[in-house]
Amino acid sequence: MSLKAFHVLFILLSIVLSGGFGCWSLERHSATREILYLFFAGMSFSGMVLLIVYLIWFLSKMRSV
């Protein structure tokens, strides 16, 4: 496996894990009504969006190399 493929795989795994943690945090917030879980969900989904933007940027950069 090349370094590029590993990097893409690692970013995709991070996106999935971030989304999963965000969904888990929303579920915990609905069960306990603690505001901290809502904060965790917001930060997790924000990170997920940033990772998607980074993945798109990385793939476009690698196409030109």
N, C-alpha and C. Protein backbone atom coordinates (compact mmCIF):
# COMPACT_ATOMS: atom_id res chain seq x y z
N MET A 1 0.85 -1.17 0.00
CA MET A 1 0.00 0.00 0.00
C MET A 1 0.90 1.24 0.00
N SER A 2 0.60 2.15 -0.89
CA SER A 2 1.40 3.37 -0.98
C SER A 2 1.06 4.32 0.16
N LEU A 3 1.92 5.27 0.35
CA LEU A 3 1.71 6.26 1.40
C LEU A 3 0.47 7.11 1.11
N LYS A 4 0.25 7.42 -0.16
CA LYS A 4 -0.93 8.19 -0.55
C LYS A 4 -2.21 7.41 -0.21
N ALA A 5 -2.24 6.13 -0.56
CA ALA A 5 -3.42 5.32 -0.29
C ALA A 5 -3.65 5.18 1.21
N PHE A 6 -2.58 5.01 1.97
CA PHE A 6 -2.72 4.92 3.42
C PHE A 6 -3.26 6.22 4.00
N HIS A 7 -2.79 7.35 3.49
CA HIS A 7 -3.25 8.65 3.98
C HIS A 7 -4.75 8.83 3.69
N VAL A 8 -5.18 8.46 2.50
CA VAL A 8 -6.60 8.57 2.14
C VAL A 8 -7.42 7.64 3.03
N LEU A 9 -6.95 6.42 3.23
CA LEU A 9 -7.65 5.48 4.09
C LEU A 9 -7.75 6.01 5.52
N PHE A 10 -6.68 6.58 6.03
CA PHE A 10 -6.66 7.13 7.38
C PHE A 10 -7.64 8.31 7.51
N ILE A 11 -7.70 9.15 6.50
CA ILE A 11 -8.65 10.28 6.53
C ILE A 11 -10.09 9.77 6.50
N LEU A 12 -10.37 8.78 5.65
CA LEU A 12 -11.72 8.22 5.58
C LEU A 12 -12.12 7.57 6.90
N LEU A 13 -11.21 6.85 7.51
CA LEU A 13 -11.49 6.24 8.80
C LEU A 13 -11.76 7.31 9.86
N SER A 14 -11.00 8.39 9.81
CA SER A 14 -11.21 9.49 10.76
C SER A 14 -12.57 10.15 10.56
N ILE A 15 -13.00 10.28 9.32
CA ILE A 15 -14.32 10.86 9.02
C ILE A 15 -15.42 9.98 9.60
N VAL A 16 -15.31 8.67 9.38
CA VAL A 16 -16.32 7.73 9.88
C VAL A 16 -16.35 7.73 11.40
N LEU A 17 -15.20 7.69 12.03
CA LEU A 17 -15.14 7.68 13.49
C LEU A 17 -15.65 8.99 14.09
N SER A 18 -15.34 10.10 13.45
CA SER A 18 -15.84 11.39 13.94
C SER A 18 -17.36 11.46 13.83
N GLY A 19 -17.91 10.98 12.73
CA GLY A 19 -19.37 10.95 12.58
C GLY A 19 -20.02 10.02 13.58
N GLY A 20 -19.40 8.88 13.82
CA GLY A 20 -19.93 7.94 14.80
C GLY A 20 -19.92 8.52 16.20
N PHE A 21 -18.84 9.20 16.56
CA PHE A 21 -18.78 9.82 17.88
C PHE A 21 -19.81 10.94 18.01
N GLY A 22 -20.02 11.69 16.91
CA GLY A 22 -21.03 12.74 16.94
C GLY A 22 -22.43 12.19 17.13
N CYS A 23 -22.73 11.09 16.45
CA CYS A 23 -24.05 10.45 16.61
C CYS A 23 -24.20 9.89 18.02
N TRP A 24 -23.16 9.28 18.55
CA TRP A 24 -23.20 8.76 19.91
C TRP A 24 -23.42 9.90 20.91
N SER A 25 -22.75 11.02 20.69
CA SER A 25 -22.91 12.16 21.59
C SER A 25 -24.34 12.71 21.55
N LEU A 26 -24.93 12.75 20.36
CA LEU A 26 -26.33 13.20 20.26
C LEU A 26 -27.26 12.24 20.98
N GLU A 27 -26.99 10.95 20.86
CA GLU A 27 -27.82 9.97 21.56
C GLU A 27 -27.68 10.12 23.07
N ARG A 28 -26.48 10.32 23.55
CA ARG A 28 -26.26 10.51 24.99
C ARG A 28 -26.90 11.81 25.47
N HIS A 29 -26.89 12.84 24.63
CA HIS A 29 -27.53 14.10 25.01
C HIS A 29 -29.04 13.91 25.14
N SER A 30 -29.62 13.15 24.23
CA SER A 30 -31.07 12.94 24.31
C SER A 30 -31.44 12.08 25.51
N ALA A 31 -30.52 11.23 25.97
CA ALA A 31 -30.81 10.38 27.12
C ALA A 31 -30.58 11.10 28.45
N THR A 32 -29.55 11.94 28.51
CA THR A 32 -29.19 12.57 29.79
C THR A 32 -29.49 14.06 29.86
N ARG A 33 -29.69 14.70 28.71
CA ARG A 33 -29.92 16.14 28.63
C ARG A 33 -28.74 16.96 29.15
N GLU A 34 -27.53 16.39 29.13
CA GLU A 34 -26.34 17.14 29.52
C GLU A 34 -25.84 17.93 28.32
N ILE A 35 -25.57 19.20 28.54
CA ILE A 35 -25.16 20.10 27.46
C ILE A 35 -23.78 19.76 26.93
N LEU A 36 -22.94 19.12 27.74
CA LEU A 36 -21.59 18.77 27.31
C LEU A 36 -21.61 17.81 26.12
N TYR A 37 -22.58 16.90 26.10
CA TYR A 37 -22.68 15.98 24.96
C TYR A 37 -23.06 16.71 23.68
N LEU A 38 -23.84 17.75 23.81
CA LEU A 38 -24.19 18.56 22.64
C LEU A 38 -22.95 19.28 22.11
N PHE A 39 -22.11 19.76 23.02
CA PHE A 39 -20.85 20.38 22.63
C PHE A 39 -19.95 19.37 21.91
N PHE A 40 -19.85 18.17 22.46
CA PHE A 40 -19.04 17.12 21.84
C PHE A 40 -19.55 16.81 20.43
N ALA A 41 -20.86 16.73 20.27
CA ALA A 41 -21.44 16.43 18.96
C ALA A 41 -21.12 17.54 17.96
N GLY A 42 -21.26 18.78 18.39
CA GLY A 42 -20.95 19.90 17.50
C GLY A 42 -19.50 19.92 17.07
N MET A 43 -18.61 19.68 18.02
CA MET A 43 -17.18 19.66 17.69
C MET A 43 -16.85 18.47 16.78
N SER A 44 -17.48 17.35 17.02
CA SER A 44 -17.21 16.17 16.21
C SER A 44 -17.70 16.36 14.78
N PHE A 45 -18.89 16.90 14.61
CA PHE A 45 -19.40 17.12 13.26
C PHE A 45 -18.63 18.23 12.54
N SER A 46 -18.16 19.22 13.29
CA SER A 46 -17.31 20.26 12.69
C SER A 46 -16.00 19.65 12.20
N GLY A 47 -15.42 18.81 13.02
CA GLY A 47 -14.19 18.13 12.61
C GLY A 47 -14.41 17.24 11.40
N MET A 48 -15.56 16.60 11.35
CA MET A 48 -15.88 15.74 10.22
C MET A 48 -15.95 16.56 8.93
N VAL A 49 -16.58 17.72 8.99
CA VAL A 49 -16.67 18.59 7.81
C VAL A 49 -15.28 19.06 7.39
N LEU A 50 -14.45 19.42 8.36
CA LEU A 50 -13.09 19.86 8.04
C LEU A 50 -12.27 18.72 7.44
N LEU A 51 -12.46 17.51 7.93
CA LEU A 51 -11.76 16.37 7.35
C LEU A 51 -12.21 16.10 5.91
N ILE A 52 -13.48 16.28 5.63
CA ILE A 52 -13.97 16.10 4.26
C ILE A 52 -13.36 17.14 3.33
N VAL A 53 -13.30 18.40 3.80
CA VAL A 53 -12.67 19.46 3.01
C VAL A 53 -11.20 19.14 2.78
N TYR A 54 -10.51 18.68 3.83
CA TYR A 54 -9.11 18.31 3.69
C TYR A 54 -8.92 17.15 2.71
N LEU A 55 -9.79 16.16 2.76
CA LEU A 55 -9.70 15.03 1.84
C LEU A 55 -9.85 15.50 0.39
N ILE A 56 -10.80 16.37 0.13
CA ILE A 56 -11.00 16.90 -1.22
C ILE A 56 -9.76 17.68 -1.67
N TRP A 57 -9.22 18.50 -0.78
CA TRP A 57 -8.02 19.26 -1.10
C TRP A 57 -6.84 18.32 -1.37
N PHE A 58 -6.66 17.32 -0.54
CA PHE A 58 -5.55 16.38 -0.69
C PHE A 58 -5.65 15.62 -2.00
N LEU A 59 -6.84 15.14 -2.33
CA LEU A 59 -7.01 14.41 -3.59
C LEU A 59 -6.76 15.29 -4.80
N SER A 60 -7.18 16.54 -4.76
CA SER A 60 -6.94 17.43 -5.88
C SER A 60 -5.44 17.76 -5.99
N LYS A 61 -4.77 17.86 -4.85
CA LYS A 61 -3.33 18.12 -4.89
C LYS A 61 -2.57 16.92 -5.43
N MET A 62 -2.97 15.72 -5.07
CA MET A 62 -2.28 14.52 -5.52
C MET A 62 -2.51 14.23 -7.00
N ARG A 63 -3.61 14.71 -7.56
CA ARG A 63 -3.86 14.50 -8.98
C ARG A 63 -2.89 15.32 -9.82
N SER A 64 -2.50 16.48 -9.30
CA SER A 64 -1.61 17.35 -10.06
C SER A 64 -0.15 16.94 -9.91
N VAL A 65 0.16 16.07 -8.96
CA VAL A 65 1.56 15.66 -8.75
C VAL A 65 1.92 14.52 -9.67
